[in-house]
Amino acid sequence: MEMKPTMHVSVAIVGFRNSGDVANCLEALARSTYSNFGVVICENGGAAAFAELTSRVPVILPGGQKVRAFQAPKNLGFAGGVNFCLRESSAAGAWWLLNPDTRPDPNALEGMLKRLNVGDCEAVGSTVHLDDGRVQSHGGRWQPWLARAVSIGRGTPRERAVNREAIERNQNYLNGASFLVSRRFVEAVGPMREDYFLYCEEVEWCLRGAAKAMRLGYAPDARVVHEQGTTTGAGEDFARRPRMPVYLGERNRILLTRDCYPYRLPIAAAAALGRLLLSTARYRAWRQFGYGLSGWMAGLLNRRNLPEWLKTILS
């Protein structure tokens, strides 16, 4: 049965020169069983990318939902793009943060809203899985002493039954590829941290929310296919990952520790360096070790936003 569409939801999509992904995502959204939503897209890739995007995506979906695309004034990163979308849809009752390289099931939004409307949580995650049916995550657990994110259910079959209550007890962040946040969450917690630029910002947001008594929910039947890392290369094996995801991933886990668990930084930083060394030895990825080590050191030195070398790449 279709849920009565009483709350208007704004779907926030942040793109970077991947209009094909965005078009596929919108095609999936058009089949949603929940109809009261609109879409706001922030294109971070410049004027040419924005022109291509607007040539490929509709301004209205078949169900009447408006699609509004905006060119960011510069590359704002994921957090900055999300914050841009939040500002452009400030009247919404809730926001669905959705990666452009995802394809949600028709009942995904309805499932997350049903969980949100129970009233005991202010943000809801979904089952994010790969094309082959393997789960990417049901939710996540940040381990502060290790500066490590653990995806709950990773690699398990999508169809395997899960215990919602157990996942909600264990998770302390939601997968940034797809999760729903309420107006109360945004008003209480504030915007995402833009100085991370990319990676770990959704983890920090959820941890900051937990510090303000914002509970995280989970909707098992809200399923979303995620083609991980199509833009950044983060989905590649460690030995083939480019500089940006390795550098920012290592830097931001240290920054997150500094921001949320400052007294644990010495131990967490040592643990992060140890994992980097293990990954290097396993894959013989000496170049990636250099990328990661420089990011790790930047985190220790509290260097934020974009380094100069990355500004050049993303211009």
C-alpha atoms as a PDB file:
ATOM      1  CA  MET A   1       0.000   0.000   0.000  1.00  0.00           C
ATOM      2  CA  GLU A   2       1.304   3.433  -0.879  1.00  0.00           C
ATOM      3  CA  MET A   3       2.086   5.687   2.068  1.00  0.00           C
ATOM      4  CA  LYS A   4       0.054   8.876   2.315  1.00  0.00           C
ATOM      5  CA  PRO A   5       2.475  11.581   1.088  1.00  0.00           C
ATOM      6  CA  THR A   6       2.038  14.126   3.888  1.00  0.00           C
ATOM      7  CA  MET A   7       5.662  15.250   4.347  1.00  0.00           C
ATOM      8  CA  HIS A   8       7.574  16.943   1.561  1.00  0.00           C
ATOM      9  CA  VAL A   9      11.059  15.461   1.143  1.00  0.00           C
ATOM     10  CA  SER A  10      13.888  17.102  -0.738  1.00  0.00           C
ATOM     11  CA  VAL A  11      16.283  14.676  -2.423  1.00  0.00           C
ATOM     12  CA  ALA A  12      19.788  16.179  -2.314  1.00  0.00           C
ATOM     13  CA  ILE A  13      22.200  14.978  -5.010  1.00  0.00           C
ATOM     14  CA  VAL A  14      25.774  16.251  -5.341  1.00  0.00           C
ATOM     15  CA  GLY A  15      27.328  15.630  -8.748  1.00  0.00           C
ATOM     16  CA  PHE A  16      30.763  16.053 -10.272  1.00  0.00           C
ATOM     17  CA  ARG A  17      30.900  15.616 -14.038  1.00  0.00           C
ATOM     18  CA  ASN A  18      28.806  12.454 -13.929  1.00  0.00           C
ATOM     19  CA  SER A  19      25.530  13.436 -15.605  1.00  0.00           C
ATOM     20  CA  GLY A  20      24.947   9.858 -16.743  1.00  0.00           C
ATOM     21  CA  ASP A  21      24.920   8.645 -13.139  1.00  0.00           C
ATOM     22  CA  VAL A  22      22.530  11.439 -12.179  1.00  0.00           C
ATOM     23  CA  ALA A  23      20.179  10.616 -15.061  1.00  0.00           C
ATOM     24  CA  ASN A  24      20.080   6.935 -14.049  1.00  0.00           C
ATOM     25  CA  CYS A  25      19.429   7.900 -10.425  1.00  0.00           C
ATOM     26  CA  LEU A  26      16.516  10.130 -11.451  1.00  0.00           C
ATOM     27  CA  GLU A  27      15.084   7.362 -13.614  1.00  0.00           C
ATOM     28  CA  ALA A  28      15.001   5.137 -10.535  1.00  0.00           C
ATOM     29  CA  LEU A  29      13.546   7.920  -8.380  1.00  0.00           C
ATOM     30  CA  ALA A  30      10.714   8.367 -10.884  1.00  0.00           C
ATOM     31  CA  ARG A  31       9.406   4.933  -9.830  1.00  0.00           C
ATOM     32  CA  SER A  32       9.152   5.887  -6.144  1.00  0.00           C
ATOM     33  CA  THR A  33       6.028   4.720  -4.314  1.00  0.00           C
ATOM     34  CA  TYR A  34       6.186   7.939  -2.274  1.00  0.00           C
ATOM     35  CA  SER A  35       5.301  10.906  -4.424  1.00  0.00           C
ATOM     36  CA  ASN A  36       5.700  14.048  -2.285  1.00  0.00           C
ATOM     37  CA  PHE A  37       9.313  14.885  -3.024  1.00  0.00           C
ATOM     38  CA  GLY A  38      11.431  17.161  -5.145  1.00  0.00           C
ATOM     39  CA  VAL A  39      15.037  16.906  -6.286  1.00  0.00           C
ATOM     40  CA  VAL A  40      17.836  19.430  -5.853  1.00  0.00           C
ATOM     41  CA  ILE A  41      21.113  18.791  -7.683  1.00  0.00           C
ATOM     42  CA  CYS A  42      24.358  20.639  -6.969  1.00  0.00           C
ATOM     43  CA  GLU A  43      26.836  20.281  -9.844  1.00  0.00           C
ATOM     44  CA  ASN A  44      30.381  20.764  -8.574  1.00  0.00           C
ATOM     45  CA  GLY A  45      32.102  20.242 -11.912  1.00  0.00           C
ATOM     46  CA  GLY A  46      31.919  23.693 -13.511  1.00  0.00           C
ATOM     47  CA  ALA A  47      30.040  25.300 -16.390  1.00  0.00           C
ATOM     48  CA  ALA A  48      30.625  22.600 -19.018  1.00  0.00           C
ATOM     49  CA  ALA A  49      29.517  19.846 -16.646  1.00  0.00           C
ATOM     50  CA  PHE A  50      26.439  21.858 -15.680  1.00  0.00           C
ATOM     51  CA  ALA A  51      25.494  22.364 -19.321  1.00  0.00           C
ATOM     52  CA  GLU A  52      25.796  18.620 -19.959  1.00  0.00           C
ATOM     53  CA  LEU A  53      23.804  17.841 -16.828  1.00  0.00           C
ATOM     54  CA  THR A  54      20.915  20.141 -17.756  1.00  0.00           C
ATOM     55  CA  SER A  55      20.839  18.663 -21.257  1.00  0.00           C
ATOM     56  CA  ARG A  56      20.423  15.131 -19.860  1.00  0.00           C
ATOM     57  CA  VAL A  57      18.084  15.459 -16.890  1.00  0.00           C
ATOM     58  CA  PRO A  58      14.403  16.472 -16.896  1.00  0.00           C
ATOM     59  CA  VAL A  59      13.068  19.514 -15.073  1.00  0.00           C
ATOM     60  CA  ILE A  60      10.098  17.464 -13.908  1.00  0.00           C
ATOM     61  CA  LEU A  61       9.658  13.738 -13.339  1.00  0.00           C
ATOM     62  CA  PRO A  62       6.684  11.789 -14.731  1.00  0.00           C
ATOM     63  CA  GLY A  63       4.973  11.962 -11.330  1.00  0.00           C
ATOM     64  CA  GLY A  64       5.149  15.757 -11.303  1.00  0.00           C
ATOM     65  CA  GLN A  65       8.160  16.087  -8.971  1.00  0.00           C
ATOM     66  CA  LYS A  66      10.356  19.099  -9.763  1.00  0.00           C
ATOM     67  CA  VAL A  67      14.052  18.637 -10.501  1.00  0.00           C
ATOM     68  CA  ARG A  68      16.149  21.738  -9.876  1.00  0.00           C
ATOM     69  CA  ALA A  69      19.802  21.753 -10.888  1.00  0.00           C
ATOM     70  CA  PHE A  70      22.327  24.352  -9.761  1.00  0.00           C
ATOM     71  CA  GLN A  71      25.907  25.072 -10.721  1.00  0.00           C
ATOM     72  CA  ALA A  72      28.020  25.485  -7.606  1.00  0.00           C
ATOM     73  CA  PRO A  73      30.129  28.671  -7.527  1.00  0.00           C
ATOM     74  CA  LYS A  74      33.174  26.412  -7.141  1.00  0.00           C
ATOM     75  CA  ASN A  75      33.810  22.775  -6.266  1.00  0.00           C
ATOM     76  CA  LEU A  76      32.240  22.647  -2.809  1.00  0.00           C
ATOM     77  CA  GLY A  77      32.989  18.982  -2.143  1.00  0.00           C
ATOM     78  CA  PHE A  78      30.369  16.546  -0.895  1.00  0.00           C
ATOM     79  CA  ALA A  79      29.594  18.342   2.373  1.00  0.00           C
ATOM     80  CA  GLY A  80      29.486  21.761   0.740  1.00  0.00           C
ATOM     81  CA  GLY A  81      27.229  20.412  -2.003  1.00  0.00           C
ATOM     82  CA  VAL A  82      24.871  18.869   0.553  1.00  0.00           C
ATOM     83  CA  ASN A  83      24.734  22.131   2.492  1.00  0.00           C
ATOM     84  CA  PHE A  84      23.999  23.971  -0.766  1.00  0.00           C
ATOM     85  CA  CYS A  85      21.062  21.616  -1.430  1.00  0.00           C
ATOM     86  CA  LEU A  86      19.770  22.071   2.113  1.00  0.00           C
ATOM     87  CA  ARG A  87      19.753  25.847   1.705  1.00  0.00           C
ATOM     88  CA  GLU A  88      17.987  25.631  -1.663  1.00  0.00           C
ATOM     89  CA  SER A  89      15.214  23.474  -0.187  1.00  0.00           C
ATOM     90  CA  SER A  90      14.897  25.005   3.262  1.00  0.00           C
ATOM     91  CA  ALA A  91      11.133  24.466   3.455  1.00  0.00           C
ATOM     92  CA  ALA A  92      11.370  20.660   3.240  1.00  0.00           C
ATOM     93  CA  GLY A  93      10.215  18.471   6.103  1.00  0.00           C
ATOM     94  CA  ALA A  94      13.130  16.051   5.599  1.00  0.00           C
ATOM     95  CA  TRP A  95      16.082  15.575   3.271  1.00  0.00           C
ATOM     96  CA  TRP A  96      17.232  12.426   1.525  1.00  0.00           C
ATOM     97  CA  LEU A  97      20.963  12.547   0.873  1.00  0.00           C
ATOM     98  CA  LEU A  98      21.483  10.374  -2.179  1.00  0.00           C
ATOM     99  CA  ASN A  99      24.653   9.738  -4.151  1.00  0.00           C
ATOM    100  CA  PRO A 100      24.353  10.219  -7.922  1.00  0.00           C
ATOM    101  CA  ASP A 101      25.791   6.736  -8.527  1.00  0.00           C
ATOM    102  CA  THR A 102      22.859   5.044  -6.785  1.00  0.00           C
ATOM    103  CA  ARG A 103      19.601   3.497  -7.948  1.00  0.00           C
ATOM    104  CA  PRO A 104      17.034   3.312  -5.140  1.00  0.00           C
ATOM    105  CA  ASP A 105      14.288   0.708  -5.107  1.00  0.00           C
ATOM    106  CA  PRO A 106      10.791   2.156  -5.605  1.00  0.00           C
ATOM    107  CA  ASN A 107       9.866   1.732  -1.921  1.00  0.00           C
ATOM    108  CA  ALA A 108      13.165   3.034  -0.487  1.00  0.00           C
ATOM    109  CA  LEU A 109      11.937   6.516   0.423  1.00  0.00           C
ATOM    110  CA  GLU A 110       8.637   5.216   1.728  1.00  0.00           C
ATOM    111  CA  GLY A 111      10.467   2.695   3.931  1.00  0.00           C
ATOM    112  CA  MET A 112      12.769   5.304   5.451  1.00  0.00           C
ATOM    113  CA  LEU A 113       9.879   7.692   6.102  1.00  0.00           C
ATOM    114  CA  LYS A 114       7.870   4.986   7.835  1.00  0.00           C
ATOM    115  CA  ARG A 115      10.805   4.386  10.172  1.00  0.00           C
ATOM    116  CA  LEU A 116      11.290   8.119  10.740  1.00  0.00           C
ATOM    117  CA  ASN A 117       7.592   8.622  11.480  1.00  0.00           C
ATOM    118  CA  VAL A 118       7.706   6.149  14.368  1.00  0.00           C
ATOM    119  CA  GLY A 119       9.095   9.146  16.213  1.00  0.00           C
ATOM    120  CA  ASP A 120      12.046   7.683  18.126  1.00  0.00           C
ATOM    121  CA  CYS A 121      14.822   8.690  15.693  1.00  0.00           C
ATOM    122  CA  GLU A 122      15.826  11.732  13.666  1.00  0.00           C
ATOM    123  CA  ALA A 123      17.791  10.136  10.815  1.00  0.00           C
ATOM    124  CA  VAL A 124      17.313   6.846   8.984  1.00  0.00           C
ATOM    125  CA  GLY A 125      19.722   4.706   7.000  1.00  0.00           C
ATOM    126  CA  SER A 126      18.988   2.161   4.308  1.00  0.00           C
ATOM    127  CA  THR A 127      20.363  -1.113   2.963  1.00  0.00           C
ATOM    128  CA  VAL A 128      23.069  -0.043   0.525  1.00  0.00           C
ATOM    129  CA  HIS A 129      24.224  -2.849  -1.735  1.00  0.00           C
ATOM    130  CA  LEU A 130      26.199  -3.520  -4.874  1.00  0.00           C
ATOM    131  CA  ASP A 131      24.821  -4.628  -8.233  1.00  0.00           C
ATOM    132  CA  ASP A 132      25.682  -8.267  -7.515  1.00  0.00           C
ATOM    133  CA  GLY A 133      23.497  -8.284  -4.385  1.00  0.00           C
ATOM    134  CA  ARG A 134      26.299  -8.062  -1.818  1.00  0.00           C
ATOM    135  CA  VAL A 135      25.613  -5.608   0.974  1.00  0.00           C
ATOM    136  CA  GLN A 136      27.859  -2.582   1.227  1.00  0.00           C
ATOM    137  CA  SER A 137      26.347  -1.637   4.568  1.00  0.00           C
ATOM    138  CA  HIS A 138      23.235  -1.690   6.726  1.00  0.00           C
ATOM    139  CA  GLY A 139      24.801   1.095   8.745  1.00  0.00           C
ATOM    140  CA  GLY A 140      28.209   1.810  10.208  1.00  0.00           C
ATOM    141  CA  ARG A 141      30.228   1.733  13.386  1.00  0.00           C
ATOM    142  CA  TRP A 142      33.046   4.227  13.917  1.00  0.00           C
ATOM    143  CA  GLN A 143      35.745   2.781  16.172  1.00  0.00           C
ATOM    144  CA  PRO A 144      37.333   5.849  17.789  1.00  0.00           C
ATOM    145  CA  TRP A 145      40.403   4.160  19.259  1.00  0.00           C
ATOM    146  CA  LEU A 146      41.294   2.825  15.811  1.00  0.00           C
ATOM    147  CA  ALA A 147      40.081   5.768  13.686  1.00  0.00           C
ATOM    148  CA  ARG A 148      38.261   3.159  11.654  1.00  0.00           C
ATOM    149  CA  ALA A 149      34.853   2.905  10.023  1.00  0.00           C
ATOM    150  CA  VAL A 150      33.263  -0.550   9.973  1.00  0.00           C
ATOM    151  CA  SER A 151      30.346  -1.212   7.623  1.00  0.00           C
ATOM    152  CA  ILE A 152      27.744  -3.402   9.283  1.00  0.00           C
ATOM    153  CA  GLY A 153      26.800  -6.400   7.139  1.00  0.00           C
ATOM    154  CA  ARG A 154      29.436  -5.734   4.480  1.00  0.00           C
ATOM    155  CA  GLY A 155      29.679  -8.569   1.950  1.00  0.00           C
ATOM    156  CA  THR A 156      26.596 -10.444   3.150  1.00  0.00           C
ATOM    157  CA  PRO A 157      23.750 -11.340   0.754  1.00  0.00           C
ATOM    158  CA  ARG A 158      21.176  -8.596   0.340  1.00  0.00           C
ATOM    159  CA  GLU A 159      18.314 -11.031   0.959  1.00  0.00           C
ATOM    160  CA  ARG A 160      19.623 -12.268   4.296  1.00  0.00           C
ATOM    161  CA  ALA A 161      17.275 -11.336   7.144  1.00  0.00           C
ATOM    162  CA  VAL A 162      18.622  -8.734   9.544  1.00  0.00           C
ATOM    163  CA  ASN A 163      17.730  -7.614  13.048  1.00  0.00           C
ATOM    164  CA  ARG A 164      16.792  -3.946  12.815  1.00  0.00           C
ATOM    165  CA  GLU A 165      16.987  -3.332  16.556  1.00  0.00           C
ATOM    166  CA  ALA A 166      20.465  -4.885  16.785  1.00  0.00           C
ATOM    167  CA  ILE A 167      21.753  -2.760  13.917  1.00  0.00           C
ATOM    168  CA  GLU A 168      20.316   0.384  15.473  1.00  0.00           C
ATOM    169  CA  ARG A 169      22.004  -0.446  18.786  1.00  0.00           C
ATOM    170  CA  ASN A 170      25.331  -1.014  17.085  1.00  0.00           C
ATOM    171  CA  GLN A 171      25.490   1.749  14.476  1.00  0.00           C
ATOM    172  CA  ASN A 172      26.739   5.248  15.220  1.00  0.00           C
ATOM    173  CA  TYR A 173      26.771   6.578  11.675  1.00  0.00           C
ATOM    174  CA  LEU A 174      24.795   6.080   8.454  1.00  0.00           C
ATOM    175  CA  ASN A 175      26.094   5.309   4.986  1.00  0.00           C
ATOM    176  CA  GLY A 176      26.471   8.629   3.175  1.00  0.00           C
ATOM    177  CA  ALA A 177      25.319   7.120  -0.123  1.00  0.00           C
ATOM    178  CA  SER A 178      21.716   7.115   1.104  1.00  0.00           C
ATOM    179  CA  PHE A 179      20.161   8.362   4.293  1.00  0.00           C
ATOM    180  CA  LEU A 180      17.223  10.463   5.409  1.00  0.00           C
ATOM    181  CA  VAL A 181      17.510  13.308   7.941  1.00  0.00           C
ATOM    182  CA  SER A 182      14.671  15.157   9.618  1.00  0.00           C
ATOM    183  CA  ARG A 183      14.308  18.905   9.948  1.00  0.00           C
ATOM    184  CA  ARG A 184      14.888  18.528  13.703  1.00  0.00           C
ATOM    185  CA  PHE A 185      18.234  16.816  13.037  1.00  0.00           C
ATOM    186  CA  VAL A 186      19.431  19.607  10.754  1.00  0.00           C
ATOM    187  CA  GLU A 187      18.243  22.350  13.091  1.00  0.00           C
ATOM    188  CA  ALA A 188      19.831  20.721  16.148  1.00  0.00           C
ATOM    189  CA  VAL A 189      23.111  19.565  14.614  1.00  0.00           C
ATOM    190  CA  GLY A 190      23.753  22.225  11.996  1.00  0.00           C
ATOM    191  CA  PRO A 191      25.261  21.727   8.538  1.00  0.00           C
ATOM    192  CA  MET A 192      27.934  19.242   7.484  1.00  0.00           C
ATOM    193  CA  ARG A 193      31.570  20.205   7.988  1.00  0.00           C
ATOM    194  CA  GLU A 194      32.826  21.558   4.690  1.00  0.00           C
ATOM    195  CA  ASP A 195      36.507  21.597   5.694  1.00  0.00           C
ATOM    196  CA  TYR A 196      36.657  17.801   5.215  1.00  0.00           C
ATOM    197  CA  PHE A 197      35.702  18.333   1.543  1.00  0.00           C
ATOM    198  CA  LEU A 198      35.193  14.616   0.858  1.00  0.00           C
ATOM    199  CA  TYR A 199      35.044  11.476   3.055  1.00  0.00           C
ATOM    200  CA  CYS A 200      34.117  11.050   6.725  1.00  0.00           C
ATOM    201  CA  GLU A 201      31.828  14.083   6.769  1.00  0.00           C
ATOM    202  CA  GLU A 202      28.685  11.960   7.146  1.00  0.00           C
ATOM    203  CA  VAL A 203      30.352  10.049   9.999  1.00  0.00           C
ATOM    204  CA  GLU A 204      31.250  13.274  11.808  1.00  0.00           C
ATOM    205  CA  TRP A 205      27.715  14.614  11.219  1.00  0.00           C
ATOM    206  CA  CYS A 206      26.139  11.534  12.779  1.00  0.00           C
ATOM    207  CA  LEU A 207      28.572  11.538  15.724  1.00  0.00           C
ATOM    208  CA  ARG A 208      27.868  15.224  16.298  1.00  0.00           C
ATOM    209  CA  GLY A 209      24.168  14.384  16.168  1.00  0.00           C
ATOM    210  CA  ALA A 210      24.574  11.612  18.750  1.00  0.00           C
ATOM    211  CA  ALA A 211      26.227  14.130  21.078  1.00  0.00           C
ATOM    212  CA  LYS A 212      22.984  16.134  20.805  1.00  0.00           C
ATOM    213  CA  ALA A 213      20.783  13.083  21.507  1.00  0.00           C
ATOM    214  CA  MET A 214      19.811  12.545  17.860  1.00  0.00           C
ATOM    215  CA  ARG A 215      19.060   8.834  17.454  1.00  0.00           C
ATOM    216  CA  LEU A 216      19.801   6.978  14.228  1.00  0.00           C
ATOM    217  CA  GLY A 217      17.268   4.574  12.764  1.00  0.00           C
ATOM    218  CA  TYR A 218      17.477   1.931  10.052  1.00  0.00           C
ATOM    219  CA  ALA A 219      14.968   0.768   7.443  1.00  0.00           C
ATOM    220  CA  PRO A 220      15.978  -2.757   6.270  1.00  0.00           C
ATOM    221  CA  ASP A 221      13.627  -2.836   3.282  1.00  0.00           C
ATOM    222  CA  ALA A 222      14.780   0.532   1.937  1.00  0.00           C
ATOM    223  CA  ARG A 223      17.268  -0.821  -0.595  1.00  0.00           C
ATOM    224  CA  VAL A 224      19.609   1.221  -2.731  1.00  0.00           C
ATOM    225  CA  VAL A 225      22.101  -0.020  -5.329  1.00  0.00           C
ATOM    226  CA  HIS A 226      25.424   1.813  -5.101  1.00  0.00           C
ATOM    227  CA  GLU A 227      28.100   1.775  -7.783  1.00  0.00           C
ATOM    228  CA  GLN A 228      30.790   2.818  -5.315  1.00  0.00           C
ATOM    229  CA  GLY A 229      33.472   5.304  -6.307  1.00  0.00           C
ATOM    230  CA  THR A 230      32.508   5.874  -9.938  1.00  0.00           C
ATOM    231  CA  THR A 231      33.676   9.495  -9.760  1.00  0.00           C
ATOM    232  CA  THR A 232      36.595   9.383  -7.324  1.00  0.00           C
ATOM    233  CA  GLY A 233      38.095   5.933  -7.922  1.00  0.00           C
ATOM    234  CA  ALA A 234      37.574   5.029  -4.254  1.00  0.00           C
ATOM    235  CA  GLY A 235      36.021   1.712  -5.249  1.00  0.00           C
ATOM    236  CA  GLU A 236      39.245   0.447  -6.849  1.00  0.00           C
ATOM    237  CA  ASP A 237      41.559  -2.024  -5.126  1.00  0.00           C
ATOM    238  CA  PHE A 238      44.002  -0.213  -2.854  1.00  0.00           C
ATOM    239  CA  ALA A 239      46.902  -0.629  -5.277  1.00  0.00           C
ATOM    240  CA  ARG A 240      44.966   1.141  -8.051  1.00  0.00           C
ATOM    241  CA  ARG A 241      43.396   3.977  -6.086  1.00  0.00           C
ATOM    242  CA  PRO A 242      44.335   7.465  -7.205  1.00  0.00           C
ATOM    243  CA  ARG A 243      45.901  10.055  -4.954  1.00  0.00           C
ATOM    244  CA  MET A 244      42.770  11.971  -3.942  1.00  0.00           C
ATOM    245  CA  PRO A 245      40.730   9.231  -2.189  1.00  0.00           C
ATOM    246  CA  VAL A 246      43.793   7.784  -0.453  1.00  0.00           C
ATOM    247  CA  TYR A 247      45.051  11.173   0.764  1.00  0.00           C
ATOM    248  CA  LEU A 248      41.651  12.493   1.875  1.00  0.00           C
ATOM    249  CA  GLY A 249      40.611   9.201   3.440  1.00  0.00           C
ATOM    250  CA  GLU A 250      43.685   9.065   5.669  1.00  0.00           C
ATOM    251  CA  ARG A 251      43.635  12.776   6.452  1.00  0.00           C
ATOM    252  CA  ASN A 252      39.985  12.932   7.358  1.00  0.00           C
ATOM    253  CA  ARG A 253      39.985   9.959   9.722  1.00  0.00           C
ATOM    254  CA  ILE A 254      42.608  11.878  11.713  1.00  0.00           C
ATOM    255  CA  LEU A 255      40.637  15.135  11.501  1.00  0.00           C
ATOM    256  CA  LEU A 256      37.475  13.361  12.645  1.00  0.00           C
ATOM    257  CA  THR A 257      39.337  11.936  15.640  1.00  0.00           C
ATOM    258  CA  ARG A 258      40.718  15.385  16.419  1.00  0.00           C
ATOM    259  CA  ASP A 259      37.228  16.914  16.237  1.00  0.00           C
ATOM    260  CA  CYS A 260      35.213  14.237  18.070  1.00  0.00           C
ATOM    261  CA  TYR A 261      37.700  12.289  20.231  1.00  0.00           C
ATOM    262  CA  PRO A 262      40.725  14.559  20.769  1.00  0.00           C
ATOM    263  CA  TYR A 263      42.078  12.638  23.775  1.00  0.00           C
ATOM    264  CA  ARG A 264      42.229   9.448  21.704  1.00  0.00           C
ATOM    265  CA  LEU A 265      44.239  11.022  18.874  1.00  0.00           C
ATOM    266  CA  PRO A 266      47.698   9.581  19.733  1.00  0.00           C
ATOM    267  CA  ILE A 267      46.480   5.979  19.852  1.00  0.00           C
ATOM    268  CA  ALA A 268      44.072   6.371  16.930  1.00  0.00           C
ATOM    269  CA  ALA A 269      46.745   7.984  14.749  1.00  0.00           C
ATOM    270  CA  ALA A 270      49.152   5.128  15.463  1.00  0.00           C
ATOM    271  CA  ALA A 271      46.426   2.599  14.614  1.00  0.00           C
ATOM    272  CA  ALA A 272      45.642   4.401  11.349  1.00  0.00           C
ATOM    273  CA  LEU A 273      49.310   4.389  10.358  1.00  0.00           C
ATOM    274  CA  GLY A 274      49.569   0.705  11.184  1.00  0.00           C
ATOM    275  CA  ARG A 275      46.608  -0.136   8.940  1.00  0.00           C
ATOM    276  CA  LEU A 276      48.118   1.927   6.139  1.00  0.00           C
ATOM    277  CA  LEU A 277      51.358  -0.039   6.447  1.00  0.00           C
ATOM    278  CA  LEU A 278      49.470  -3.344   6.402  1.00  0.00           C
ATOM    279  CA  SER A 279      47.523  -2.362   3.263  1.00  0.00           C
ATOM    280  CA  THR A 280      50.763  -1.289   1.603  1.00  0.00           C
ATOM    281  CA  ALA A 281      52.469  -4.579   2.416  1.00  0.00           C
ATOM    282  CA  ARG A 282      49.481  -6.654   1.334  1.00  0.00           C
ATOM    283  CA  TYR A 283      49.117  -5.009  -2.070  1.00  0.00           C
ATOM    284  CA  ARG A 284      52.734  -3.839  -2.496  1.00  0.00           C
ATOM    285  CA  ALA A 285      51.197  -0.435  -3.127  1.00  0.00           C
ATOM    286  CA  TRP A 286      54.153   1.830  -2.448  1.00  0.00           C
ATOM    287  CA  ARG A 287      52.752   4.776  -4.364  1.00  0.00           C
ATOM    288  CA  GLN A 288      49.494   4.633  -2.407  1.00  0.00           C
ATOM    289  CA  PHE A 289      51.520   4.482   0.807  1.00  0.00           C
ATOM    290  CA  GLY A 290      53.046   7.830  -0.109  1.00  0.00           C
ATOM    291  CA  TYR A 291      49.608   9.275  -0.806  1.00  0.00           C
ATOM    292  CA  GLY A 292      48.245   7.976   2.472  1.00  0.00           C
ATOM    293  CA  LEU A 293      51.242   9.000   4.561  1.00  0.00           C
ATOM    294  CA  SER A 294      51.015  12.573   3.321  1.00  0.00           C
ATOM    295  CA  GLY A 295      47.290  12.623   4.182  1.00  0.00           C
ATOM    296  CA  TRP A 296      47.955  11.130   7.620  1.00  0.00           C
ATOM    297  CA  MET A 297      50.555  13.804   8.325  1.00  0.00           C
ATOM    298  CA  ALA A 298      48.204  16.542   7.087  1.00  0.00           C
ATOM    299  CA  GLY A 299      45.604  15.341   9.588  1.00  0.00           C
ATOM    300  CA  LEU A 300      48.116  15.476  12.424  1.00  0.00           C
ATOM    301  CA  LEU A 301      49.018  19.021  11.380  1.00  0.00           C
ATOM    302  CA  ASN A 302      45.300  19.943  11.291  1.00  0.00           C
ATOM    303  CA  ARG A 303      45.407  20.894   7.611  1.00  0.00           C
ATOM    304  CA  ARG A 304      41.888  21.146   6.223  1.00  0.00           C
ATOM    305  CA  ASN A 305      39.990  22.010   3.049  1.00  0.00           C
ATOM    306  CA  LEU A 306      41.733  21.436  -0.288  1.00  0.00           C
ATOM    307  CA  PRO A 307      45.505  21.220  -0.664  1.00  0.00           C
ATOM    308  CA  GLU A 308      46.925  23.166  -3.585  1.00  0.00           C
ATOM    309  CA  TRP A 309      47.681  20.054  -5.657  1.00  0.00           C
ATOM    310  CA  LEU A 310      44.044  18.958  -5.430  1.00  0.00           C
ATOM    311  CA  LYS A 311      42.729  22.388  -6.417  1.00  0.00           C
ATOM    312  CA  THR A 312      44.593  21.961  -9.685  1.00  0.00           C
ATOM    313  CA  ILE A 313      43.147  18.494 -10.328  1.00  0.00           C
ATOM    314  CA  LEU A 314      39.567  19.552  -9.590  1.00  0.00           C
ATOM    315  CA  SER A 315      39.594  22.882 -11.416  1.00  0.00           C
END
